[in-house]
Amino acid sequence: MTGNIEPLGIAVLGCGRVSDAHLEAIHGQHGLGRLEAVIDADLKRAEDAARRHDAPRVFTSLEQALAVEAIEAVDICLPNHLHADATVTALESGRHVLVEKPMADDADSAMRMTTAAVVNDRILVIGQSRRHTKAVRYVHDNLESFGRLRSVHDSYCIRWDGPQTPWWSERSREAGLVLSLIATHSMDFIQLVTGPNDPIRVHCEAVRHQSDWLGDDEAMIILTYPGNRLVFVHLSYNQQPYYDRKTLLFDGAVVQIDDNLEVRLNGELVVEPDPGEIGEMARPSLQFDWQFEEFVKATRGLPNRSVTATEGVRLMRVLDAIRQAALTGQSVTLSST
């Protein structure tokens, strides 16, 4: 129930491909948010976004927007490498922040963002929209009833014919492409179901099939967790038709999540998608609506399911280790801190 929540005044920074999902979630939920401004260095793109989503203000810089008192929070939809600086600037101005995944390009940047949130007593939430589907919430809420988790197999494979936004083509092999853009989805889910313990050891093989970018577009990751739990993750930008399946093996059950929307428990369908969720990477989608709702709850001090900054730092440390393993061809052992 959201009737007693004061709507959050928010500006969206960055009007690229993912921003429409965020803008639609804000604009479509007037009881939760007030879209106060859109910001983009490209004025025409910002004006187009403002017109489509009824934003009253358009700016070409974050600093201009932060001069507006009605803006209580910033939703950051910039390219990955720009997340950290923009997040810190917004937090230091006293604004809450929802930042698109991945949180940053590395764990050091993520830690800098988290420190800024703590020092300025602001809320920093990571935009892991796929965590907010009904299917994933069901599995998370019922984990203890399934028995002891032994292993997870996660395949997230889609076809992109070349870069979907110009900066994808500039991502270096060191920065990672699938190992940055969609590994964060899979590893956030793994982190959700494996609990507070990070992996002990990571191995990764990553390759490139398409020539329109520099980074990896196919990868396989193996992780060992405490308690001898094993995780296998397969990522691809080369798969058609789309294939998204998570299989969790417990001592007493097999749980399968298809397309992040349906759940089968020992073969029996127990969760079906709601209207608005159906469709390959559907947008507008309920998962973005629910993500925004949880963010607003977090800023109002209410119980929520948002992905915290602390969780984001943990995830970035694991992603750093995965990229290191892919680059060196050697397994990486993670420290306990």
C-alpha atoms as a PDB file:
ATOM      1  CA  MET A   1       0.000   0.000   0.000  1.00  0.00           C
ATOM      2  CA  THR A   2       1.373   3.391  -0.992  1.00  0.00           C
ATOM      3  CA  GLY A   3      -1.464   5.760  -0.120  1.00  0.00           C
ATOM      4  CA  ASN A   4       0.286   7.330   2.876  1.00  0.00           C
ATOM      5  CA  ILE A   5       3.660   7.876   1.160  1.00  0.00           C
ATOM      6  CA  GLU A   6       4.531  11.466   0.291  1.00  0.00           C
ATOM      7  CA  PRO A   7       5.450  11.584  -3.436  1.00  0.00           C
ATOM      8  CA  LEU A   8       9.166  11.962  -4.066  1.00  0.00           C
ATOM      9  CA  GLY A   9      10.399  14.851  -6.191  1.00  0.00           C
ATOM     10  CA  ILE A  10      12.900  13.330  -8.616  1.00  0.00           C
ATOM     11  CA  ALA A  11      15.057  14.204 -11.613  1.00  0.00           C
ATOM     12  CA  VAL A  12      16.218  11.625 -14.165  1.00  0.00           C
ATOM     13  CA  LEU A  13      19.818  12.068 -15.305  1.00  0.00           C
ATOM     14  CA  GLY A  14      20.549  10.606 -18.732  1.00  0.00           C
ATOM     15  CA  CYS A  15      17.937  10.114 -21.456  1.00  0.00           C
ATOM     16  CA  GLY A  16      19.449   7.104 -23.231  1.00  0.00           C
ATOM     17  CA  ARG A  17      17.944   3.684 -23.942  1.00  0.00           C
ATOM     18  CA  VAL A  18      17.178   2.589 -20.374  1.00  0.00           C
ATOM     19  CA  SER A  19      15.748   5.914 -19.212  1.00  0.00           C
ATOM     20  CA  ASP A  20      12.261   5.433 -20.659  1.00  0.00           C
ATOM     21  CA  ALA A  21      11.631   2.508 -18.310  1.00  0.00           C
ATOM     22  CA  HIS A  22      12.527   4.716 -15.338  1.00  0.00           C
ATOM     23  CA  LEU A  23      10.573   7.709 -16.631  1.00  0.00           C
ATOM     24  CA  GLU A  24       7.464   5.605 -17.274  1.00  0.00           C
ATOM     25  CA  ALA A  25       7.665   4.149 -13.754  1.00  0.00           C
ATOM     26  CA  ILE A  26       7.800   7.649 -12.247  1.00  0.00           C
ATOM     27  CA  HIS A  27       5.263   9.289 -14.542  1.00  0.00           C
ATOM     28  CA  GLY A  28       2.823   6.418 -14.178  1.00  0.00           C
ATOM     29  CA  GLN A  29       2.816   6.463 -10.383  1.00  0.00           C
ATOM     30  CA  HIS A  30       1.827   9.958  -9.335  1.00  0.00           C
ATOM     31  CA  GLY A  31       1.118   8.781  -5.820  1.00  0.00           C
ATOM     32  CA  LEU A  32       4.774   7.849  -5.419  1.00  0.00           C
ATOM     33  CA  GLY A  33       6.770  10.350  -7.427  1.00  0.00           C
ATOM     34  CA  ARG A  34       6.802  13.791  -8.990  1.00  0.00           C
ATOM     35  CA  LEU A  35       8.976  13.979 -12.100  1.00  0.00           C
ATOM     36  CA  GLU A  36      10.572  17.388 -11.568  1.00  0.00           C
ATOM     37  CA  ALA A  37      13.161  17.395 -14.368  1.00  0.00           C
ATOM     38  CA  VAL A  38      15.066  15.453 -16.990  1.00  0.00           C
ATOM     39  CA  ILE A  39      18.762  16.049 -17.584  1.00  0.00           C
ATOM     40  CA  ASP A  40      20.922  15.222 -20.587  1.00  0.00           C
ATOM     41  CA  ALA A  41      23.941  16.858 -22.202  1.00  0.00           C
ATOM     42  CA  ASP A  42      22.027  16.560 -25.480  1.00  0.00           C
ATOM     43  CA  LEU A  43      19.372  19.277 -25.106  1.00  0.00           C
ATOM     44  CA  LYS A  44      17.129  17.929 -27.872  1.00  0.00           C
ATOM     45  CA  ARG A  45      17.120  14.456 -26.370  1.00  0.00           C
ATOM     46  CA  ALA A  46      16.252  15.914 -22.967  1.00  0.00           C
ATOM     47  CA  GLU A  47      13.446  18.015 -24.476  1.00  0.00           C
ATOM     48  CA  ASP A  48      12.032  14.959 -26.264  1.00  0.00           C
ATOM     49  CA  ALA A  49      12.038  12.961 -23.020  1.00  0.00           C
ATOM     50  CA  ALA A  50      10.429  15.830 -21.111  1.00  0.00           C
ATOM     51  CA  ARG A  51       7.669  16.125 -23.696  1.00  0.00           C
ATOM     52  CA  ARG A  52       6.911  12.389 -23.653  1.00  0.00           C
ATOM     53  CA  HIS A  53       6.794  12.178 -19.863  1.00  0.00           C
ATOM     54  CA  ASP A  54       5.451  15.632 -18.899  1.00  0.00           C
ATOM     55  CA  ALA A  55       8.558  16.815 -17.078  1.00  0.00           C
ATOM     56  CA  PRO A  56       8.270  20.520 -16.170  1.00  0.00           C
ATOM     57  CA  ARG A  57      12.020  21.238 -16.431  1.00  0.00           C
ATOM     58  CA  VAL A  58      14.879  20.375 -18.790  1.00  0.00           C
ATOM     59  CA  PHE A  59      18.569  20.761 -17.930  1.00  0.00           C
ATOM     60  CA  THR A  60      21.840  19.934 -19.638  1.00  0.00           C
ATOM     61  CA  SER A  61      23.832  19.433 -16.440  1.00  0.00           C
ATOM     62  CA  LEU A  62      23.283  17.828 -13.064  1.00  0.00           C
ATOM     63  CA  GLU A  63      24.516  20.967 -11.321  1.00  0.00           C
ATOM     64  CA  GLN A  64      21.663  22.993 -12.833  1.00  0.00           C
ATOM     65  CA  ALA A  65      19.091  20.526 -11.538  1.00  0.00           C
ATOM     66  CA  LEU A  66      20.587  20.434  -8.049  1.00  0.00           C
ATOM     67  CA  ALA A  67      19.779  24.127  -7.680  1.00  0.00           C
ATOM     68  CA  VAL A  68      16.060  23.201  -7.691  1.00  0.00           C
ATOM     69  CA  GLU A  69      14.832  22.666  -4.137  1.00  0.00           C
ATOM     70  CA  ALA A  70      11.874  20.510  -5.234  1.00  0.00           C
ATOM     71  CA  ILE A  71      14.266  17.811  -6.466  1.00  0.00           C
ATOM     72  CA  GLU A  72      14.764  15.450  -3.538  1.00  0.00           C
ATOM     73  CA  ALA A  73      16.365  12.587  -5.460  1.00  0.00           C
ATOM     74  CA  VAL A  74      18.214  11.787  -8.677  1.00  0.00           C
ATOM     75  CA  ASP A  75      17.667   8.691 -10.819  1.00  0.00           C
ATOM     76  CA  ILE A  76      20.945   8.101 -12.677  1.00  0.00           C
ATOM     77  CA  CYS A  77      20.687   6.431 -16.108  1.00  0.00           C
ATOM     78  CA  LEU A  78      24.119   7.363 -17.483  1.00  0.00           C
ATOM     79  CA  PRO A  79      26.721   5.053 -19.055  1.00  0.00           C
ATOM     80  CA  ASN A  80      28.409   2.863 -16.433  1.00  0.00           C
ATOM     81  CA  HIS A  81      31.676   4.777 -16.206  1.00  0.00           C
ATOM     82  CA  LEU A  82      29.814   7.990 -15.326  1.00  0.00           C
ATOM     83  CA  HIS A  83      27.812   6.554 -12.422  1.00  0.00           C
ATOM     84  CA  ALA A  84      30.288   7.178  -9.620  1.00  0.00           C
ATOM     85  CA  ASP A  85      30.978  10.896 -10.088  1.00  0.00           C
ATOM     86  CA  ALA A  86      27.334  11.781 -10.701  1.00  0.00           C
ATOM     87  CA  THR A  87      26.200   9.741  -7.699  1.00  0.00           C
ATOM     88  CA  VAL A  88      28.712  11.366  -5.358  1.00  0.00           C
ATOM     89  CA  THR A  89      27.774  14.841  -6.606  1.00  0.00           C
ATOM     90  CA  ALA A  90      24.080  14.199  -6.016  1.00  0.00           C
ATOM     91  CA  LEU A  91      24.625  12.667  -2.577  1.00  0.00           C
ATOM     92  CA  GLU A  92      26.880  15.520  -1.477  1.00  0.00           C
ATOM     93  CA  SER A  93      24.123  17.950  -2.483  1.00  0.00           C
ATOM     94  CA  GLY A  94      21.780  16.192  -0.057  1.00  0.00           C
ATOM     95  CA  ARG A  95      19.815  14.164  -2.605  1.00  0.00           C
ATOM     96  CA  HIS A  96      18.920  10.491  -2.484  1.00  0.00           C
ATOM     97  CA  VAL A  97      20.075   8.419  -5.467  1.00  0.00           C
ATOM     98  CA  LEU A  98      18.766   5.509  -7.496  1.00  0.00           C
ATOM     99  CA  VAL A  99      21.587   4.463  -9.839  1.00  0.00           C
ATOM    100  CA  GLU A 100      21.199   2.027 -12.723  1.00  0.00           C
ATOM    101  CA  LYS A 101      23.136  -1.217 -12.632  1.00  0.00           C
ATOM    102  CA  PRO A 102      25.974  -1.893 -12.557  1.00  0.00           C
ATOM    103  CA  MET A 103      26.581   0.401  -9.593  1.00  0.00           C
ATOM    104  CA  ALA A 104      29.971   1.460 -10.949  1.00  0.00           C
ATOM    105  CA  ASP A 105      32.834   0.220 -13.097  1.00  0.00           C
ATOM    106  CA  ASP A 106      34.761  -1.220 -10.143  1.00  0.00           C
ATOM    107  CA  ALA A 107      34.530  -1.863  -6.416  1.00  0.00           C
ATOM    108  CA  ASP A 108      36.688   1.134  -5.458  1.00  0.00           C
ATOM    109  CA  SER A 109      34.255   3.497  -7.187  1.00  0.00           C
ATOM    110  CA  ALA A 110      31.321   1.703  -5.585  1.00  0.00           C
ATOM    111  CA  MET A 111      32.906   2.138  -2.160  1.00  0.00           C
ATOM    112  CA  ARG A 112      33.411   5.858  -2.826  1.00  0.00           C
ATOM    113  CA  MET A 113      29.705   6.172  -3.660  1.00  0.00           C
ATOM    114  CA  THR A 114      28.695   4.280  -0.526  1.00  0.00           C
ATOM    115  CA  THR A 115      30.915   6.433   1.669  1.00  0.00           C
ATOM    116  CA  ALA A 116      29.281   9.566   0.230  1.00  0.00           C
ATOM    117  CA  ALA A 117      25.835   8.157   1.090  1.00  0.00           C
ATOM    118  CA  VAL A 118      26.865   7.410   4.674  1.00  0.00           C
ATOM    119  CA  VAL A 119      28.640  10.727   5.255  1.00  0.00           C
ATOM    120  CA  ASN A 120      25.713  12.714   3.888  1.00  0.00           C
ATOM    121  CA  ASP A 121      23.024  10.514   5.505  1.00  0.00           C
ATOM    122  CA  ARG A 122      21.303   9.874   2.172  1.00  0.00           C
ATOM    123  CA  ILE A 123      19.787   6.759   0.605  1.00  0.00           C
ATOM    124  CA  LEU A 124      21.702   5.107  -2.239  1.00  0.00           C
ATOM    125  CA  VAL A 125      19.887   2.295  -4.069  1.00  0.00           C
ATOM    126  CA  ILE A 126      21.077   0.159  -6.991  1.00  0.00           C
ATOM    127  CA  GLY A 127      18.679  -0.323  -9.920  1.00  0.00           C
ATOM    128  CA  GLN A 128      18.519  -4.104 -10.171  1.00  0.00           C
ATOM    129  CA  SER A 129      15.065  -4.203 -11.761  1.00  0.00           C
ATOM    130  CA  ARG A 130      15.019  -7.962 -12.387  1.00  0.00           C
ATOM    131  CA  ARG A 131      15.097  -8.585  -8.625  1.00  0.00           C
ATOM    132  CA  HIS A 132      11.622  -7.029  -8.441  1.00  0.00           C
ATOM    133  CA  THR A 133       9.673  -9.514 -10.554  1.00  0.00           C
ATOM    134  CA  LYS A 134       6.995 -11.536  -8.796  1.00  0.00           C
ATOM    135  CA  ALA A 135       8.897 -14.734  -9.623  1.00  0.00           C
ATOM    136  CA  VAL A 136      12.162 -13.666  -8.011  1.00  0.00           C
ATOM    137  CA  ARG A 137      10.362 -12.314  -4.959  1.00  0.00           C
ATOM    138  CA  TYR A 138       8.541 -15.629  -4.543  1.00  0.00           C
ATOM    139  CA  VAL A 139      11.783 -17.624  -4.629  1.00  0.00           C
ATOM    140  CA  HIS A 140      13.521 -15.269  -2.225  1.00  0.00           C
ATOM    141  CA  ASP A 141      10.600 -15.291   0.213  1.00  0.00           C
ATOM    142  CA  ASN A 142      10.414 -19.112   0.217  1.00  0.00           C
ATOM    143  CA  LEU A 143      14.105 -20.060   0.210  1.00  0.00           C
ATOM    144  CA  GLU A 144      14.068 -21.638   3.648  1.00  0.00           C
ATOM    145  CA  SER A 145      11.176 -23.924   2.743  1.00  0.00           C
ATOM    146  CA  PHE A 146      13.036 -25.509  -0.187  1.00  0.00           C
ATOM    147  CA  GLY A 147      15.822 -27.092   1.880  1.00  0.00           C
ATOM    148  CA  ARG A 148      19.590 -26.652   1.719  1.00  0.00           C
ATOM    149  CA  LEU A 149      20.765 -24.944  -1.479  1.00  0.00           C
ATOM    150  CA  ARG A 150      23.489 -26.996  -3.181  1.00  0.00           C
ATOM    151  CA  SER A 151      23.951 -25.398  -6.595  1.00  0.00           C
ATOM    152  CA  VAL A 152      22.647 -22.810  -9.061  1.00  0.00           C
ATOM    153  CA  HIS A 153      22.777 -22.777 -12.858  1.00  0.00           C
ATOM    154  CA  ASP A 154      21.924 -19.398 -14.419  1.00  0.00           C
ATOM    155  CA  SER A 155      21.793 -18.826 -18.186  1.00  0.00           C
ATOM    156  CA  TYR A 156      21.006 -15.322 -19.444  1.00  0.00           C
ATOM    157  CA  CYS A 157      21.401 -15.282 -23.217  1.00  0.00           C
ATOM    158  CA  ILE A 158      20.039 -12.736 -25.683  1.00  0.00           C
ATOM    159  CA  ARG A 159      20.902 -11.554 -29.206  1.00  0.00           C
ATOM    160  CA  TRP A 160      22.131  -8.023 -29.835  1.00  0.00           C
ATOM    161  CA  ASP A 161      23.339  -7.329 -33.364  1.00  0.00           C
ATOM    162  CA  GLY A 162      26.010  -4.836 -32.446  1.00  0.00           C
ATOM    163  CA  PRO A 163      25.998  -1.988 -29.899  1.00  0.00           C
ATOM    164  CA  GLN A 164      22.585  -0.903 -28.640  1.00  0.00           C
ATOM    165  CA  THR A 165      24.039   2.452 -27.633  1.00  0.00           C
ATOM    166  CA  PRO A 166      27.273   4.037 -28.957  1.00  0.00           C
ATOM    167  CA  TRP A 167      29.323   3.678 -25.775  1.00  0.00           C
ATOM    168  CA  TRP A 168      28.993  -0.118 -25.885  1.00  0.00           C
ATOM    169  CA  SER A 169      31.396  -0.177 -28.836  1.00  0.00           C
ATOM    170  CA  GLU A 170      34.014   1.662 -26.766  1.00  0.00           C
ATOM    171  CA  ARG A 171      33.998  -0.727 -23.790  1.00  0.00           C
ATOM    172  CA  SER A 172      37.426  -2.293 -23.498  1.00  0.00           C
ATOM    173  CA  ARG A 173      38.013  -5.971 -22.835  1.00  0.00           C
ATOM    174  CA  GLU A 174      39.349  -4.953 -19.420  1.00  0.00           C
ATOM    175  CA  ALA A 175      36.123  -3.095 -18.558  1.00  0.00           C
ATOM    176  CA  GLY A 176      33.977  -5.938 -19.855  1.00  0.00           C
ATOM    177  CA  LEU A 177      30.815  -6.004 -21.941  1.00  0.00           C
ATOM    178  CA  VAL A 178      28.601  -8.950 -20.949  1.00  0.00           C
ATOM    179  CA  LEU A 179      30.833  -9.248 -17.876  1.00  0.00           C
ATOM    180  CA  SER A 180      29.669  -5.786 -16.890  1.00  0.00           C
ATOM    181  CA  LEU A 181      26.263  -5.190 -18.455  1.00  0.00           C
ATOM    182  CA  ILE A 182      24.424  -8.452 -17.802  1.00  0.00           C
ATOM    183  CA  ALA A 183      26.695 -10.315 -15.381  1.00  0.00           C
ATOM    184  CA  THR A 184      25.460  -7.808 -12.830  1.00  0.00           C
ATOM    185  CA  HIS A 185      21.893  -9.136 -13.259  1.00  0.00           C
ATOM    186  CA  SER A 186      22.890 -12.768 -12.825  1.00  0.00           C
ATOM    187  CA  MET A 187      25.307 -12.154  -9.975  1.00  0.00           C
ATOM    188  CA  ASP A 188      22.774  -9.998  -8.114  1.00  0.00           C
ATOM    189  CA  PHE A 189      20.369 -12.936  -8.222  1.00  0.00           C
ATOM    190  CA  ILE A 190      23.111 -15.326  -7.072  1.00  0.00           C
ATOM    191  CA  GLN A 191      23.909 -12.950  -4.209  1.00  0.00           C
ATOM    192  CA  LEU A 192      20.221 -12.801  -3.285  1.00  0.00           C
ATOM    193  CA  VAL A 193      19.811 -16.582  -2.989  1.00  0.00           C
ATOM    194  CA  THR A 194      23.213 -17.504  -1.536  1.00  0.00           C
ATOM    195  CA  GLY A 195      22.967 -15.028   1.324  1.00  0.00           C
ATOM    196  CA  PRO A 196      25.635 -12.980   3.070  1.00  0.00           C
ATOM    197  CA  ASN A 197      28.649 -15.134   2.135  1.00  0.00           C
ATOM    198  CA  ASP A 198      30.653 -14.134  -0.921  1.00  0.00           C
ATOM    199  CA  PRO A 199      32.265 -16.762  -3.177  1.00  0.00           C
ATOM    200  CA  ILE A 200      35.532 -18.319  -2.140  1.00  0.00           C
ATOM    201  CA  ARG A 201      36.833 -18.826  -5.646  1.00  0.00           C
ATOM    202  CA  VAL A 202      35.936 -17.617  -9.159  1.00  0.00           C
ATOM    203  CA  HIS A 203      36.853 -18.843 -12.617  1.00  0.00           C
ATOM    204  CA  CYS A 204      35.706 -17.280 -15.901  1.00  0.00           C
ATOM    205  CA  GLU A 205      36.186 -17.805 -19.614  1.00  0.00           C
ATOM    206  CA  ALA A 206      35.060 -14.934 -21.851  1.00  0.00           C
ATOM    207  CA  VAL A 207      35.202 -14.609 -25.656  1.00  0.00           C
ATOM    208  CA  ARG A 208      34.058 -12.293 -28.418  1.00  0.00           C
ATOM    209  CA  HIS A 209      32.058 -13.396 -31.477  1.00  0.00           C
ATOM    210  CA  GLN A 210      30.961 -10.033 -32.918  1.00  0.00           C
ATOM    211  CA  SER A 211      33.403  -7.480 -34.314  1.00  0.00           C
ATOM    212  CA  ASP A 212      31.351  -4.318 -33.664  1.00  0.00           C
ATOM    213  CA  TRP A 213      32.651  -4.012 -30.111  1.00  0.00           C
ATOM    214  CA  LEU A 214      35.909  -4.617 -28.284  1.00  0.00           C
ATOM    215  CA  GLY A 215      34.625  -6.380 -25.191  1.00  0.00           C
ATOM    216  CA  ASP A 216      33.453  -9.906 -24.452  1.00  0.00           C
ATOM    217  CA  ASP A 217      30.032 -10.988 -25.713  1.00  0.00           C
ATOM    218  CA  GLU A 218      29.934 -14.556 -24.376  1.00  0.00           C
ATOM    219  CA  ALA A 219      31.123 -15.843 -21.006  1.00  0.00           C
ATOM    220  CA  MET A 220      30.933 -18.772 -18.630  1.00  0.00           C
ATOM    221  CA  ILE A 221      31.592 -18.308 -14.918  1.00  0.00           C
ATOM    222  CA  ILE A 222      32.090 -20.913 -12.194  1.00  0.00           C
ATOM    223  CA  LEU A 223      31.962 -19.883  -8.533  1.00  0.00           C
ATOM    224  CA  THR A 224      32.517 -21.854  -5.337  1.00  0.00           C
ATOM    225  CA  TYR A 225      30.696 -20.666  -2.222  1.00  0.00           C
ATOM    226  CA  PRO A 226      31.082 -21.654   1.436  1.00  0.00           C
ATOM    227  CA  GLY A 227      29.462 -24.981   2.253  1.00  0.00           C
ATOM    228  CA  ASN A 228      30.653 -26.474  -1.073  1.00  0.00           C
ATOM    229  CA  ARG A 229      27.876 -24.748  -3.004  1.00  0.00           C
ATOM    230  CA  LEU A 230      28.614 -24.428  -6.727  1.00  0.00           C
ATOM    231  CA  VAL A 231      27.308 -21.812  -9.153  1.00  0.00           C
ATOM    232  CA  PHE A 232      27.518 -21.806 -12.957  1.00  0.00           C
ATOM    233  CA  VAL A 233      26.591 -18.721 -15.001  1.00  0.00           C
ATOM    234  CA  HIS A 234      26.359 -18.532 -18.816  1.00  0.00           C
ATOM    235  CA  LEU A 235      26.018 -15.100 -20.443  1.00  0.00           C
ATOM    236  CA  SER A 236      25.641 -14.274 -24.127  1.00  0.00           C
ATOM    237  CA  TYR A 237      24.796 -11.514 -26.568  1.00  0.00           C
ATOM    238  CA  ASN A 238      24.709 -14.060 -29.421  1.00  0.00           C
ATOM    239  CA  GLN A 239      21.687 -16.210 -28.629  1.00  0.00           C
ATOM    240  CA  GLN A 240      18.511 -16.247 -30.672  1.00  0.00           C
ATOM    241  CA  PRO A 241      15.876 -17.062 -29.553  1.00  0.00           C
ATOM    242  CA  TYR A 242      16.179 -15.408 -26.155  1.00  0.00           C
ATOM    243  CA  TYR A 243      16.989 -17.852 -23.345  1.00  0.00           C
ATOM    244  CA  ASP A 244      16.765 -16.989 -19.653  1.00  0.00           C
ATOM    245  CA  ARG A 245      16.614 -19.805 -17.106  1.00  0.00           C
ATOM    246  CA  LYS A 246      17.703 -20.173 -13.499  1.00  0.00           C
ATOM    247  CA  THR A 247      17.762 -23.627 -11.921  1.00  0.00           C
ATOM    248  CA  LEU A 248      18.298 -23.981  -8.172  1.00  0.00           C
ATOM    249  CA  LEU A 249      19.024 -27.427  -6.765  1.00  0.00           C
ATOM    250  CA  PHE A 250      18.125 -27.952  -3.125  1.00  0.00           C
ATOM    251  CA  ASP A 251      18.359 -31.119  -1.061  1.00  0.00           C
ATOM    252  CA  GLY A 252      14.570 -31.377  -1.189  1.00  0.00           C
ATOM    253  CA  ALA A 253      13.507 -29.494  -4.296  1.00  0.00           C
ATOM    254  CA  VAL A 254      14.284 -28.255  -7.806  1.00  0.00           C
ATOM    255  CA  VAL A 255      13.257 -24.655  -8.448  1.00  0.00           C
ATOM    256  CA  GLN A 256      13.277 -23.316 -12.009  1.00  0.00           C
ATOM    257  CA  ILE A 257      12.728 -19.684 -13.008  1.00  0.00           C
ATOM    258  CA  ASP A 258      12.050 -19.028 -16.697  1.00  0.00           C
ATOM    259  CA  ASP A 259      12.391 -15.581 -18.259  1.00  0.00           C
ATOM    260  CA  ASN A 260      12.537 -14.189 -14.713  1.00  0.00           C
ATOM    261  CA  LEU A 261       8.738 -14.432 -14.735  1.00  0.00           C
ATOM    262  CA  GLU A 262       7.607 -18.037 -14.188  1.00  0.00           C
ATOM    263  CA  VAL A 263       8.540 -20.385 -11.344  1.00  0.00           C
ATOM    264  CA  ARG A 264       8.267 -24.164 -11.324  1.00  0.00           C
ATOM    265  CA  LEU A 265       8.722 -26.111  -8.110  1.00  0.00           C
ATOM    266  CA  ASN A 266       9.543 -29.770  -8.824  1.00  0.00           C
ATOM    267  CA  GLY A 267       8.011 -29.270 -12.274  1.00  0.00           C
ATOM    268  CA  GLU A 268       4.768 -27.698 -11.073  1.00  0.00           C
ATOM    269  CA  LEU A 269       4.003 -24.128 -12.172  1.00  0.00           C
ATOM    270  CA  VAL A 270       3.623 -22.045  -9.002  1.00  0.00           C
ATOM    271  CA  VAL A 271       4.138 -18.474 -10.272  1.00  0.00           C
ATOM    272  CA  GLU A 272       2.891 -16.930 -13.523  1.00  0.00           C
ATOM    273  CA  PRO A 273       3.669 -13.400 -14.764  1.00  0.00           C
ATOM    274  CA  ASP A 274       1.347 -10.494 -14.160  1.00  0.00           C
ATOM    275  CA  PRO A 275       0.032  -8.444 -17.117  1.00  0.00           C
ATOM    276  CA  GLY A 276       2.743  -5.939 -18.021  1.00  0.00           C
ATOM    277  CA  GLU A 277       5.595  -8.312 -17.242  1.00  0.00           C
ATOM    278  CA  ILE A 278       5.266 -10.478 -20.349  1.00  0.00           C
ATOM    279  CA  GLY A 279       7.664  -9.902 -23.239  1.00  0.00           C
ATOM    280  CA  GLU A 280      11.362 -10.105 -23.891  1.00  0.00           C
ATOM    281  CA  MET A 281      12.892  -7.442 -21.639  1.00  0.00           C
ATOM    282  CA  ALA A 282       9.396  -5.908 -21.559  1.00  0.00           C
ATOM    283  CA  ARG A 283       9.238  -2.157 -21.207  1.00  0.00           C
ATOM    284  CA  PRO A 284       7.197  -0.565 -19.758  1.00  0.00           C
ATOM    285  CA  SER A 285       7.330  -3.310 -17.155  1.00  0.00           C
ATOM    286  CA  LEU A 286       5.995  -3.840 -13.694  1.00  0.00           C
ATOM    287  CA  GLN A 287       9.467  -4.591 -12.422  1.00  0.00           C
ATOM    288  CA  PHE A 288      10.495  -0.950 -12.959  1.00  0.00           C
ATOM    289  CA  ASP A 289       7.298   0.248 -11.285  1.00  0.00           C
ATOM    290  CA  TRP A 290       8.021  -1.968  -8.281  1.00  0.00           C
ATOM    291  CA  GLN A 291      11.665  -0.931  -8.212  1.00  0.00           C
ATOM    292  CA  PHE A 292      10.687   2.738  -8.035  1.00  0.00           C
ATOM    293  CA  GLU A 293       8.118   2.025  -5.334  1.00  0.00           C
ATOM    294  CA  GLU A 294      10.770   0.314  -3.197  1.00  0.00           C
ATOM    295  CA  PHE A 295      13.163   3.239  -3.713  1.00  0.00           C
ATOM    296  CA  VAL A 296      10.558   5.720  -2.546  1.00  0.00           C
ATOM    297  CA  LYS A 297       9.868   3.579   0.518  1.00  0.00           C
ATOM    298  CA  ALA A 298      13.598   3.555   1.280  1.00  0.00           C
ATOM    299  CA  THR A 299      13.822   7.346   1.102  1.00  0.00           C
ATOM    300  CA  ARG A 300      10.815   7.620   3.460  1.00  0.00           C
ATOM    301  CA  GLY A 301      12.327   5.276   6.027  1.00  0.00           C
ATOM    302  CA  LEU A 302       9.835   2.462   5.346  1.00  0.00           C
ATOM    303  CA  PRO A 303      10.561  -1.282   5.029  1.00  0.00           C
ATOM    304  CA  ASN A 304      11.581  -2.012   1.448  1.00  0.00           C
ATOM    305  CA  ARG A 305      13.213  -4.485  -0.947  1.00  0.00           C
ATOM    306  CA  SER A 306      15.693  -2.083  -2.515  1.00  0.00           C
ATOM    307  CA  VAL A 307      19.223  -3.223  -3.328  1.00  0.00           C
ATOM    308  CA  THR A 308      21.373  -1.340  -0.834  1.00  0.00           C
ATOM    309  CA  ALA A 309      24.726   0.303  -1.457  1.00  0.00           C
ATOM    310  CA  THR A 310      26.399  -2.284   0.776  1.00  0.00           C
ATOM    311  CA  GLU A 311      25.010  -5.078  -1.389  1.00  0.00           C
ATOM    312  CA  GLY A 312      26.199  -3.171  -4.444  1.00  0.00           C
ATOM    313  CA  VAL A 313      29.769  -2.976  -3.155  1.00  0.00           C
ATOM    314  CA  ARG A 314      29.799  -6.716  -2.460  1.00  0.00           C
ATOM    315  CA  LEU A 315      28.560  -7.363  -5.992  1.00  0.00           C
ATOM    316  CA  MET A 316      31.180  -5.101  -7.554  1.00  0.00           C
ATOM    317  CA  ARG A 317      33.963  -6.936  -5.700  1.00  0.00           C
ATOM    318  CA  VAL A 318      32.763 -10.216  -7.170  1.00  0.00           C
ATOM    319  CA  LEU A 319      32.459  -8.693 -10.656  1.00  0.00           C
ATOM    320  CA  ASP A 320      36.012  -7.340 -10.353  1.00  0.00           C
ATOM    321  CA  ALA A 321      37.203 -10.868  -9.545  1.00  0.00           C
ATOM    322  CA  ILE A 322      35.254 -12.330 -12.476  1.00  0.00           C
ATOM    323  CA  ARG A 323      36.820  -9.880 -14.936  1.00  0.00           C
ATOM    324  CA  GLN A 324      40.269 -10.550 -13.486  1.00  0.00           C
ATOM    325  CA  ALA A 325      39.764 -14.296 -13.925  1.00  0.00           C
ATOM    326  CA  ALA A 326      38.644 -13.794 -17.535  1.00  0.00           C
ATOM    327  CA  LEU A 327      41.653 -11.609 -18.375  1.00  0.00           C
ATOM    328  CA  THR A 328      44.299 -13.798 -16.719  1.00  0.00           C
ATOM    329  CA  GLY A 329      42.863 -17.238 -17.402  1.00  0.00           C
ATOM    330  CA  GLN A 330      43.478 -18.018 -13.719  1.00  0.00           C
ATOM    331  CA  SER A 331      41.051 -18.723 -10.911  1.00  0.00           C
ATOM    332  CA  VAL A 332      40.742 -15.876  -8.407  1.00  0.00           C
ATOM    333  CA  THR A 333      40.454 -16.469  -4.684  1.00  0.00           C
ATOM    334  CA  LEU A 334      38.462 -13.780  -2.873  1.00  0.00           C
ATOM    335  CA  SER A 335      39.438 -12.531   0.551  1.00  0.00           C
ATOM    336  CA  SER A 336      36.898 -12.585   3.349  1.00  0.00           C
ATOM    337  CA  THR A 337      36.893  -8.788   3.674  1.00  0.00           C
END
